[in-house]
Each structure stands twice: as C-alpha cells, then as structure tokens.
Full PDB file with SEQRES, HELIX, SHEET, SSBOND, CRYST1, ORIGX, SCALE, CONECT and MASTER records, all heavy atoms in Angstrom:
SEQRES   1 A   34  MET MET LEU THR LEU ILE GLU ALA ILE ALA GLY ARG GLY          
SEQRES   2 A   34  LYS ALA GLU ALA VAL ALA ARG THR ILE GLY GLN GLY GLY          
SEQRES   3 A   34  TRP SER ALA GLY HIS ASP SER GLY                              
HELIX    1 AA1 MET A    2  ALA A   10  1                                   9    
HELIX    2 AA2 ARG A   12  ILE A   22  1                                  11    
CRYST1    1.000    1.000    1.000  90.00  90.00  90.00 P 1           1          
ORIGX1      1.000000  0.000000  0.000000        0.00000                         
ORIGX2      0.000000  1.000000  0.000000        0.00000                         
ORIGX3      0.000000  0.000000  1.000000        0.00000                         
SCALE1      1.000000  0.000000  0.000000        0.00000                         
SCALE2      0.000000  1.000000  0.000000        0.00000                         
SCALE3      0.000000  0.000000  1.000000        0.00000                         
ATOM      1  N   MET A   1     -21.129  93.207 -13.716  1.00  0.00           N  
ATOM      2  CA  MET A   1     -21.563  94.106 -14.782  1.00  0.00           C  
ATOM      3  C   MET A   1     -21.974  95.451 -14.214  1.00  0.00           C  
ATOM      4  O   MET A   1     -21.624  96.510 -14.752  1.00  0.00           O  
ATOM      5  CB  MET A   1     -22.725  93.469 -15.545  1.00  0.00           C  
ATOM      6  CG  MET A   1     -23.242  94.302 -16.728  1.00  0.00           C  
ATOM      7  SD  MET A   1     -22.132  94.366 -18.140  1.00  0.00           S  
ATOM      8  CE  MET A   1     -21.657  96.099 -18.124  1.00  0.00           C  
ATOM      9  N   MET A   2     -22.726  95.460 -13.111  1.00  0.00           N  
ATOM     10  CA  MET A   2     -23.166  96.726 -12.521  1.00  0.00           C  
ATOM     11  C   MET A   2     -21.993  97.497 -11.923  1.00  0.00           C  
ATOM     12  O   MET A   2     -21.945  98.726 -12.019  1.00  0.00           O  
ATOM     13  CB  MET A   2     -24.231  96.475 -11.459  1.00  0.00           C  
ATOM     14  CG  MET A   2     -25.552  95.964 -12.015  1.00  0.00           C  
ATOM     15  SD  MET A   2     -26.198  96.977 -13.377  1.00  0.00           S  
ATOM     16  CE  MET A   2     -25.941  95.865 -14.788  1.00  0.00           C  
ATOM     17  N   LEU A   3     -21.041  96.805 -11.328  1.00  0.00           N  
ATOM     18  CA  LEU A   3     -19.860  97.498 -10.796  1.00  0.00           C  
ATOM     19  C   LEU A   3     -19.034  98.093 -11.934  1.00  0.00           C  
ATOM     20  O   LEU A   3     -18.482  99.199 -11.797  1.00  0.00           O  
ATOM     21  CB  LEU A   3     -19.022  96.531  -9.960  1.00  0.00           C  
ATOM     22  CG  LEU A   3     -19.661  96.104  -8.635  1.00  0.00           C  
ATOM     23  CD1 LEU A   3     -18.861  94.966  -8.004  1.00  0.00           C  
ATOM     24  CD2 LEU A   3     -19.768  97.274  -7.660  1.00  0.00           C  
ATOM     25  N   THR A   4     -18.961  97.395 -13.058  1.00  0.00           N  
ATOM     26  CA  THR A   4     -18.264  97.938 -14.227  1.00  0.00           C  
ATOM     27  C   THR A   4     -18.984  99.183 -14.742  1.00  0.00           C  
ATOM     28  O   THR A   4     -18.339 100.181 -15.105  1.00  0.00           O  
ATOM     29  CB  THR A   4     -18.191  96.870 -15.332  1.00  0.00           C  
ATOM     30  OG1 THR A   4     -17.481  95.736 -14.850  1.00  0.00           O  
ATOM     31  CG2 THR A   4     -17.479  97.411 -16.573  1.00  0.00           C  
ATOM     32  N   LEU A   5     -20.303  99.155 -14.758  1.00  0.00           N  
ATOM     33  CA  LEU A   5     -21.069 100.316 -15.207  1.00  0.00           C  
ATOM     34  C   LEU A   5     -20.863 101.495 -14.265  1.00  0.00           C  
ATOM     35  O   LEU A   5     -20.704 102.643 -14.719  1.00  0.00           O  
ATOM     36  CB  LEU A   5     -22.553  99.947 -15.293  1.00  0.00           C  
ATOM     37  CG  LEU A   5     -23.502 101.055 -15.770  1.00  0.00           C  
ATOM     38  CD1 LEU A   5     -23.094 101.562 -17.148  1.00  0.00           C  
ATOM     39  CD2 LEU A   5     -24.949 100.549 -15.790  1.00  0.00           C  
ATOM     40  N   ILE A   6     -20.859 101.231 -12.969  1.00  0.00           N  
ATOM     41  CA  ILE A   6     -20.601 102.306 -12.000  1.00  0.00           C  
ATOM     42  C   ILE A   6     -19.215 102.903 -12.221  1.00  0.00           C  
ATOM     43  O   ILE A   6     -19.037 104.133 -12.201  1.00  0.00           O  
ATOM     44  CB  ILE A   6     -20.740 101.764 -10.560  1.00  0.00           C  
ATOM     45  CG1 ILE A   6     -22.202 101.419 -10.266  1.00  0.00           C  
ATOM     46  CG2 ILE A   6     -20.211 102.785  -9.541  1.00  0.00           C  
ATOM     47  CD1 ILE A   6     -22.398 100.624  -8.992  1.00  0.00           C  
ATOM     48  N   GLU A   7     -18.229 102.043 -12.465  1.00  0.00           N  
ATOM     49  CA  GLU A   7     -16.876 102.538 -12.723  1.00  0.00           C  
ATOM     50  C   GLU A   7     -16.839 103.404 -13.984  1.00  0.00           C  
ATOM     51  O   GLU A   7     -16.177 104.458 -14.005  1.00  0.00           O  
ATOM     52  CB  GLU A   7     -15.903 101.366 -12.864  1.00  0.00           C  
ATOM     53  CG  GLU A   7     -14.463 101.807 -13.065  1.00  0.00           C  
ATOM     54  CD  GLU A   7     -13.489 100.644 -13.130  1.00  0.00           C  
ATOM     55  OE1 GLU A   7     -13.916  99.482 -12.986  1.00  0.00           O  
ATOM     56  OE2 GLU A   7     -12.281 100.905 -13.333  1.00  0.00           O  
ATOM     57  N   ALA A   8     -17.566 103.009 -15.008  1.00  0.00           N  
ATOM     58  CA  ALA A   8     -17.590 103.782 -16.247  1.00  0.00           C  
ATOM     59  C   ALA A   8     -18.239 105.140 -16.043  1.00  0.00           C  
ATOM     60  O   ALA A   8     -17.818 106.148 -16.630  1.00  0.00           O  
ATOM     61  CB  ALA A   8     -18.335 103.002 -17.328  1.00  0.00           C  
ATOM     62  N   ILE A   9     -19.276 105.190 -15.205  1.00  0.00           N  
ATOM     63  CA  ILE A   9     -20.000 106.444 -14.984  1.00  0.00           C  
ATOM     64  C   ILE A   9     -19.285 107.352 -14.003  1.00  0.00           C  
ATOM     65  O   ILE A   9     -19.174 108.567 -14.222  1.00  0.00           O  
ATOM     66  CB  ILE A   9     -21.433 106.149 -14.484  1.00  0.00           C  
ATOM     67  CG1 ILE A   9     -22.240 105.420 -15.555  1.00  0.00           C  
ATOM     68  CG2 ILE A   9     -22.146 107.441 -14.071  1.00  0.00           C  
ATOM     69  CD1 ILE A   9     -23.570 104.887 -15.056  1.00  0.00           C  
ATOM     70  N   ALA A  10     -18.790 106.773 -12.897  1.00  0.00           N  
ATOM     71  CA  ALA A  10     -18.324 107.608 -11.780  1.00  0.00           C  
ATOM     72  C   ALA A  10     -16.906 107.328 -11.316  1.00  0.00           C  
ATOM     73  O   ALA A  10     -16.450 107.958 -10.361  1.00  0.00           O  
ATOM     74  CB  ALA A  10     -19.288 107.440 -10.601  1.00  0.00           C  
ATOM     75  N   GLY A  11     -16.211 106.401 -11.947  1.00  0.00           N  
ATOM     76  CA  GLY A  11     -14.818 106.175 -11.601  1.00  0.00           C  
ATOM     77  C   GLY A  11     -14.588 104.960 -10.715  1.00  0.00           C  
ATOM     78  O   GLY A  11     -15.499 104.426 -10.076  1.00  0.00           O  
ATOM     79  N   ARG A  12     -13.325 104.553 -10.655  1.00  0.00           N  
ATOM     80  CA  ARG A  12     -12.937 103.349  -9.926  1.00  0.00           C  
ATOM     81  C   ARG A  12     -13.225 103.467  -8.432  1.00  0.00           C  
ATOM     82  O   ARG A  12     -13.668 102.501  -7.797  1.00  0.00           O  
ATOM     83  CB  ARG A  12     -11.446 103.087 -10.143  1.00  0.00           C  
ATOM     84  CG  ARG A  12     -10.920 101.834  -9.465  1.00  0.00           C  
ATOM     85  CD  ARG A  12     -11.310 100.601 -10.210  1.00  0.00           C  
ATOM     86  NE  ARG A  12     -10.816  99.384  -9.565  1.00  0.00           N  
ATOM     87  CZ  ARG A  12     -10.928  98.169 -10.083  1.00  0.00           C  
ATOM     88  NH1 ARG A  12     -11.520  98.009 -11.249  1.00  0.00           N  
ATOM     89  NH2 ARG A  12     -10.467  97.112  -9.446  1.00  0.00           N  
ATOM     90  N   GLY A  13     -12.976 104.648  -7.866  1.00  0.00           N  
ATOM     91  CA  GLY A  13     -13.181 104.815  -6.436  1.00  0.00           C  
ATOM     92  C   GLY A  13     -14.615 104.564  -6.015  1.00  0.00           C  
ATOM     93  O   GLY A  13     -14.876 103.901  -5.004  1.00  0.00           O  
ATOM     94  N   LYS A  14     -15.562 105.079  -6.779  1.00  0.00           N  
ATOM     95  CA  LYS A  14     -16.977 104.869  -6.455  1.00  0.00           C  
ATOM     96  C   LYS A  14     -17.333 103.387  -6.581  1.00  0.00           C  
ATOM     97  O   LYS A  14     -18.048 102.834  -5.741  1.00  0.00           O  
ATOM     98  CB  LYS A  14     -17.856 105.704  -7.381  1.00  0.00           C  
ATOM     99  CG  LYS A  14     -19.345 105.409  -7.275  1.00  0.00           C  
ATOM    100  CD  LYS A  14     -19.903 105.657  -5.877  1.00  0.00           C  
ATOM    101  CE  LYS A  14     -20.085 107.138  -5.599  1.00  0.00           C  
ATOM    102  NZ  LYS A  14     -20.815 107.360  -4.326  1.00  0.00           N  
ATOM    103  N   ALA A  15     -16.842 102.730  -7.624  1.00  0.00           N  
ATOM    104  CA  ALA A  15     -17.127 101.308  -7.797  1.00  0.00           C  
ATOM    105  C   ALA A  15     -16.559 100.489  -6.642  1.00  0.00           C  
ATOM    106  O   ALA A  15     -17.201  99.560  -6.147  1.00  0.00           O  
ATOM    107  CB  ALA A  15     -16.568 100.821  -9.128  1.00  0.00           C  
ATOM    108  N   GLU A  16     -15.368 100.838  -6.203  1.00  0.00           N  
ATOM    109  CA  GLU A  16     -14.760 100.126  -5.074  1.00  0.00           C  
ATOM    110  C   GLU A  16     -15.573 100.329  -3.802  1.00  0.00           C  
ATOM    111  O   GLU A  16     -15.749  99.395  -3.008  1.00  0.00           O  
ATOM    112  CB  GLU A  16     -13.319 100.587  -4.871  1.00  0.00           C  
ATOM    113  CG  GLU A  16     -12.372 100.101  -5.965  1.00  0.00           C  
ATOM    114  CD  GLU A  16     -10.979 100.690  -5.832  1.00  0.00           C  
ATOM    115  OE1 GLU A  16     -10.828 101.703  -5.096  1.00  0.00           O  
ATOM    116  OE2 GLU A  16     -10.037 100.157  -6.453  1.00  0.00           O  
ATOM    117  N   ALA A  17     -16.062 101.540  -3.602  1.00  0.00           N  
ATOM    118  CA  ALA A  17     -16.860 101.818  -2.403  1.00  0.00           C  
ATOM    119  C   ALA A  17     -18.148 100.994  -2.401  1.00  0.00           C  
ATOM    120  O   ALA A  17     -18.543 100.434  -1.372  1.00  0.00           O  
ATOM    121  CB  ALA A  17     -17.177 103.305  -2.325  1.00  0.00           C  
ATOM    122  N   VAL A  18     -18.805 100.922  -3.555  1.00  0.00           N  
ATOM    123  CA  VAL A  18     -20.035 100.128  -3.647  1.00  0.00           C  
ATOM    124  C   VAL A  18     -19.723  98.645  -3.486  1.00  0.00           C  
ATOM    125  O   VAL A  18     -20.455  97.911  -2.812  1.00  0.00           O  
ATOM    126  CB  VAL A  18     -20.749 100.398  -4.985  1.00  0.00           C  
ATOM    127  CG1 VAL A  18     -21.944  99.468  -5.148  1.00  0.00           C  
ATOM    128  CG2 VAL A  18     -21.196 101.853  -5.068  1.00  0.00           C  
ATOM    129  N   ALA A  19     -18.623  98.194  -4.088  1.00  0.00           N  
ATOM    130  CA  ALA A  19     -18.238  96.786  -3.981  1.00  0.00           C  
ATOM    131  C   ALA A  19     -18.050  96.383  -2.518  1.00  0.00           C  
ATOM    132  O   ALA A  19     -18.436  95.282  -2.114  1.00  0.00           O  
ATOM    133  CB  ALA A  19     -16.964  96.530  -4.775  1.00  0.00           C  
ATOM    134  N   ARG A  20     -17.483  97.278  -1.724  1.00  0.00           N  
ATOM    135  CA  ARG A  20     -17.301  96.961  -0.293  1.00  0.00           C  
ATOM    136  C   ARG A  20     -18.641  96.787   0.409  1.00  0.00           C  
ATOM    137  O   ARG A  20     -18.800  95.923   1.269  1.00  0.00           O  
ATOM    138  CB  ARG A  20     -16.476  98.053   0.384  1.00  0.00           C  
ATOM    139  CG  ARG A  20     -14.997  98.010   0.033  1.00  0.00           C  
ATOM    140  CD  ARG A  20     -14.188  98.901   0.944  1.00  0.00           C  
ATOM    141  NE  ARG A  20     -14.494 100.321   0.756  1.00  0.00           N  
ATOM    142  CZ  ARG A  20     -13.869 101.104  -0.103  1.00  0.00           C  
ATOM    143  NH1 ARG A  20     -12.911 100.612  -0.877  1.00  0.00           N  
ATOM    144  NH2 ARG A  20     -14.197 102.391  -0.210  1.00  0.00           N  
ATOM    145  N   THR A  21     -19.632  97.595   0.054  1.00  0.00           N  
ATOM    146  CA  THR A  21     -20.927  97.500   0.734  1.00  0.00           C  
ATOM    147  C   THR A  21     -21.669  96.217   0.383  1.00  0.00           C  
ATOM    148  O   THR A  21     -22.530  95.777   1.157  1.00  0.00           O  
ATOM    149  CB  THR A  21     -21.841  98.696   0.391  1.00  0.00           C  
ATOM    150  OG1 THR A  21     -22.294  98.600  -0.965  1.00  0.00           O  
ATOM    151  CG2 THR A  21     -21.130 100.017   0.614  1.00  0.00           C  
ATOM    152  N   ILE A  22     -21.369  95.617  -0.757  1.00  0.00           N  
ATOM    153  CA  ILE A  22     -22.055  94.385  -1.139  1.00  0.00           C  
ATOM    154  C   ILE A  22     -21.186  93.154  -0.919  1.00  0.00           C  
ATOM    155  O   ILE A  22     -21.596  92.035  -1.234  1.00  0.00           O  
ATOM    156  CB  ILE A  22     -22.538  94.432  -2.611  1.00  0.00           C  
ATOM    157  CG1 ILE A  22     -21.373  94.596  -3.582  1.00  0.00           C  
ATOM    158  CG2 ILE A  22     -23.547  95.561  -2.799  1.00  0.00           C  
ATOM    159  CD1 ILE A  22     -21.806  94.560  -5.048  1.00  0.00           C  
ATOM    160  N   GLY A  23     -19.974  93.352  -0.375  1.00  0.00           N  
ATOM    161  CA  GLY A  23     -19.107  92.226  -0.054  1.00  0.00           C  
ATOM    162  C   GLY A  23     -18.413  91.605  -1.242  1.00  0.00           C  
ATOM    163  O   GLY A  23     -18.028  90.437  -1.214  1.00  0.00           O  
ATOM    164  N   GLN A  24     -18.220  92.398  -2.297  1.00  0.00           N  
ATOM    165  CA  GLN A  24     -17.611  91.892  -3.519  1.00  0.00           C  
ATOM    166  C   GLN A  24     -16.186  92.414  -3.635  1.00  0.00           C  
ATOM    167  O   GLN A  24     -15.954  93.618  -3.627  1.00  0.00           O  
ATOM    168  CB  GLN A  24     -18.426  92.333  -4.738  1.00  0.00           C  
ATOM    169  CG  GLN A  24     -17.910  91.833  -6.072  1.00  0.00           C  
ATOM    170  CD  GLN A  24     -18.137  90.343  -6.272  1.00  0.00           C  
ATOM    171  OE1 GLN A  24     -18.881  89.718  -5.535  1.00  0.00           O  
ATOM    172  NE2 GLN A  24     -17.503  89.769  -7.266  1.00  0.00           N  
ATOM    173  N   GLY A  25     -15.227  91.502  -3.772  1.00  0.00           N  
ATOM    174  CA  GLY A  25     -13.833  91.912  -3.802  1.00  0.00           C  
ATOM    175  C   GLY A  25     -13.370  92.454  -5.144  1.00  0.00           C  
ATOM    176  O   GLY A  25     -12.499  93.308  -5.206  1.00  0.00           O  
ATOM    177  N   GLY A  26     -13.906  91.961  -6.230  1.00  0.00           N  
ATOM    178  CA  GLY A  26     -13.488  92.405  -7.558  1.00  0.00           C  
ATOM    179  C   GLY A  26     -14.580  92.172  -8.568  1.00  0.00           C  
ATOM    180  O   GLY A  26     -15.585  91.540  -8.270  1.00  0.00           O  
ATOM    181  N   TRP A  27     -14.358  92.675  -9.765  1.00  0.00           N  
ATOM    182  CA  TRP A  27     -15.390  92.515 -10.810  1.00  0.00           C  
ATOM    183  C   TRP A  27     -14.757  92.330 -12.185  1.00  0.00           C  
ATOM    184  O   TRP A  27     -15.152  92.910 -13.181  1.00  0.00           O  
ATOM    185  CB  TRP A  27     -16.372  93.683 -10.797  1.00  0.00           C  
ATOM    186  CG  TRP A  27     -15.770  95.066 -10.879  1.00  0.00           C  
ATOM    187  CD1 TRP A  27     -15.592  95.817 -12.007  1.00  0.00           C  
ATOM    188  CD2 TRP A  27     -15.296  95.856  -9.795  1.00  0.00           C  
ATOM    189  NE1 TRP A  27     -15.027  97.028 -11.681  1.00  0.00           N  
ATOM    190  CE2 TRP A  27     -14.846  97.092 -10.319  1.00  0.00           C  
ATOM    191  CE3 TRP A  27     -15.209  95.670  -8.415  1.00  0.00           C  
ATOM    192  CZ2 TRP A  27     -14.305  98.104  -9.532  1.00  0.00           C  
ATOM    193  CZ3 TRP A  27     -14.675  96.671  -7.621  1.00  0.00           C  
ATOM    194  CH2 TRP A  27     -14.238  97.872  -8.189  1.00  0.00           C  
ATOM    195  N   SER A  28     -13.777  91.459 -12.221  1.00  0.00           N  
ATOM    196  CA  SER A  28     -13.113  91.146 -13.477  1.00  0.00           C  
ATOM    197  C   SER A  28     -14.091  90.529 -14.471  1.00  0.00           C  
ATOM    198  O   SER A  28     -15.035  89.837 -14.104  1.00  0.00           O  
ATOM    199  CB  SER A  28     -11.972  90.160 -13.223  1.00  0.00           C  
ATOM    200  OG  SER A  28     -11.501  89.609 -14.432  1.00  0.00           O  
ATOM    201  N   ALA A  29     -13.840  90.775 -15.750  1.00  0.00           N  
ATOM    202  CA  ALA A  29     -14.653  90.174 -16.809  1.00  0.00           C  
ATOM    203  C   ALA A  29     -14.237  88.741 -17.102  1.00  0.00           C  
ATOM    204  O   ALA A  29     -14.915  88.040 -17.851  1.00  0.00           O  
ATOM    205  CB  ALA A  29     -14.560  91.008 -18.087  1.00  0.00           C  
ATOM    206  N   GLY A  30     -13.144  88.285 -16.510  1.00  0.00           N  
ATOM    207  CA  GLY A  30     -12.671  86.930 -16.756  1.00  0.00           C  
ATOM    208  C   GLY A  30     -13.649  85.877 -16.265  1.00  0.00           C  
ATOM    209  O   GLY A  30     -14.321  86.049 -15.239  1.00  0.00           O  
ATOM    210  N   HIS A  31     -13.743  84.766 -16.991  1.00  0.00           N  
ATOM    211  CA  HIS A  31     -14.732  83.736 -16.679  1.00  0.00           C  
ATOM    212  C   HIS A  31     -14.262  82.416 -17.267  1.00  0.00           C  
ATOM    213  O   HIS A  31     -13.699  82.382 -18.367  1.00  0.00           O  
ATOM    214  CB  HIS A  31     -16.076  84.134 -17.297  1.00  0.00           C  
ATOM    215  CG  HIS A  31     -17.225  83.255 -16.925  1.00  0.00           C  
ATOM    216  ND1 HIS A  31     -17.595  83.001 -15.628  1.00  0.00           N  
ATOM    217  CD2 HIS A  31     -18.108  82.555 -17.703  1.00  0.00           C  
ATOM    218  CE1 HIS A  31     -18.659  82.222 -15.604  1.00  0.00           C  
ATOM    219  NE2 HIS A  31     -18.989  81.926 -16.856  1.00  0.00           N  
ATOM    220  N   ASP A  32     -14.466  81.338 -16.525  1.00  0.00           N  
ATOM    221  CA  ASP A  32     -14.143  80.006 -17.026  1.00  0.00           C  
ATOM    222  C   ASP A  32     -15.407  79.388 -17.602  1.00  0.00           C  
ATOM    223  O   ASP A  32     -16.143  78.672 -16.920  1.00  0.00           O  
ATOM    224  CB  ASP A  32     -13.582  79.141 -15.892  1.00  0.00           C  
ATOM    225  CG  ASP A  32     -13.174  77.750 -16.359  1.00  0.00           C  
ATOM    226  OD1 ASP A  32     -13.226  77.489 -17.588  1.00  0.00           O  
ATOM    227  OD2 ASP A  32     -12.804  76.919 -15.506  1.00  0.00           O  
ATOM    228  N   SER A  33     -15.684  79.658 -18.859  1.00  0.00           N  
ATOM    229  CA  SER A  33     -16.922  79.187 -19.475  1.00  0.00           C  
ATOM    230  C   SER A  33     -17.017  77.673 -19.478  1.00  0.00           C  
ATOM    231  O   SER A  33     -18.111  77.101 -19.355  1.00  0.00           O  
ATOM    232  CB  SER A  33     -17.034  79.714 -20.911  1.00  0.00           C  
ATOM    233  OG  SER A  33     -17.080  81.127 -20.917  1.00  0.00           O  
ATOM    234  N   GLY A  34     -15.873  76.989 -19.600  1.00  0.00           N  
ATOM    235  CA  GLY A  34     -15.883  75.536 -19.656  1.00  0.00           C  
ATOM    236  C   GLY A  34     -16.322  74.875 -18.365  1.00  0.00           C  
ATOM    237  O   GLY A  34     -16.678  73.689 -18.357  1.00  0.00           O  
TER     238      GLY A  34                                                      
MASTER        0    0    0    2    0    0    0    6  237    1    0    3          
END                                                                             
C-alpha cells in the first residue's frame, strides 16, 4: 500500500527505488483471500 502511494505521488521510478531499499520485489494488489 505504501509503495503504491509513493508511486501515485512521485512516480514508478521512486517507488522502485524505495522497494529496493526494503527488499520488496513488487507491490501488486493481487491477493489470494481464500
């Protein structure tokens, strides 16, 4: 959610840069609720 918010505010590149610093490869909204 926070990476999505960063992308909305500052763009995909900034979100990707932050994701690398926290060790997160992606931030898809997809989820297996079951």
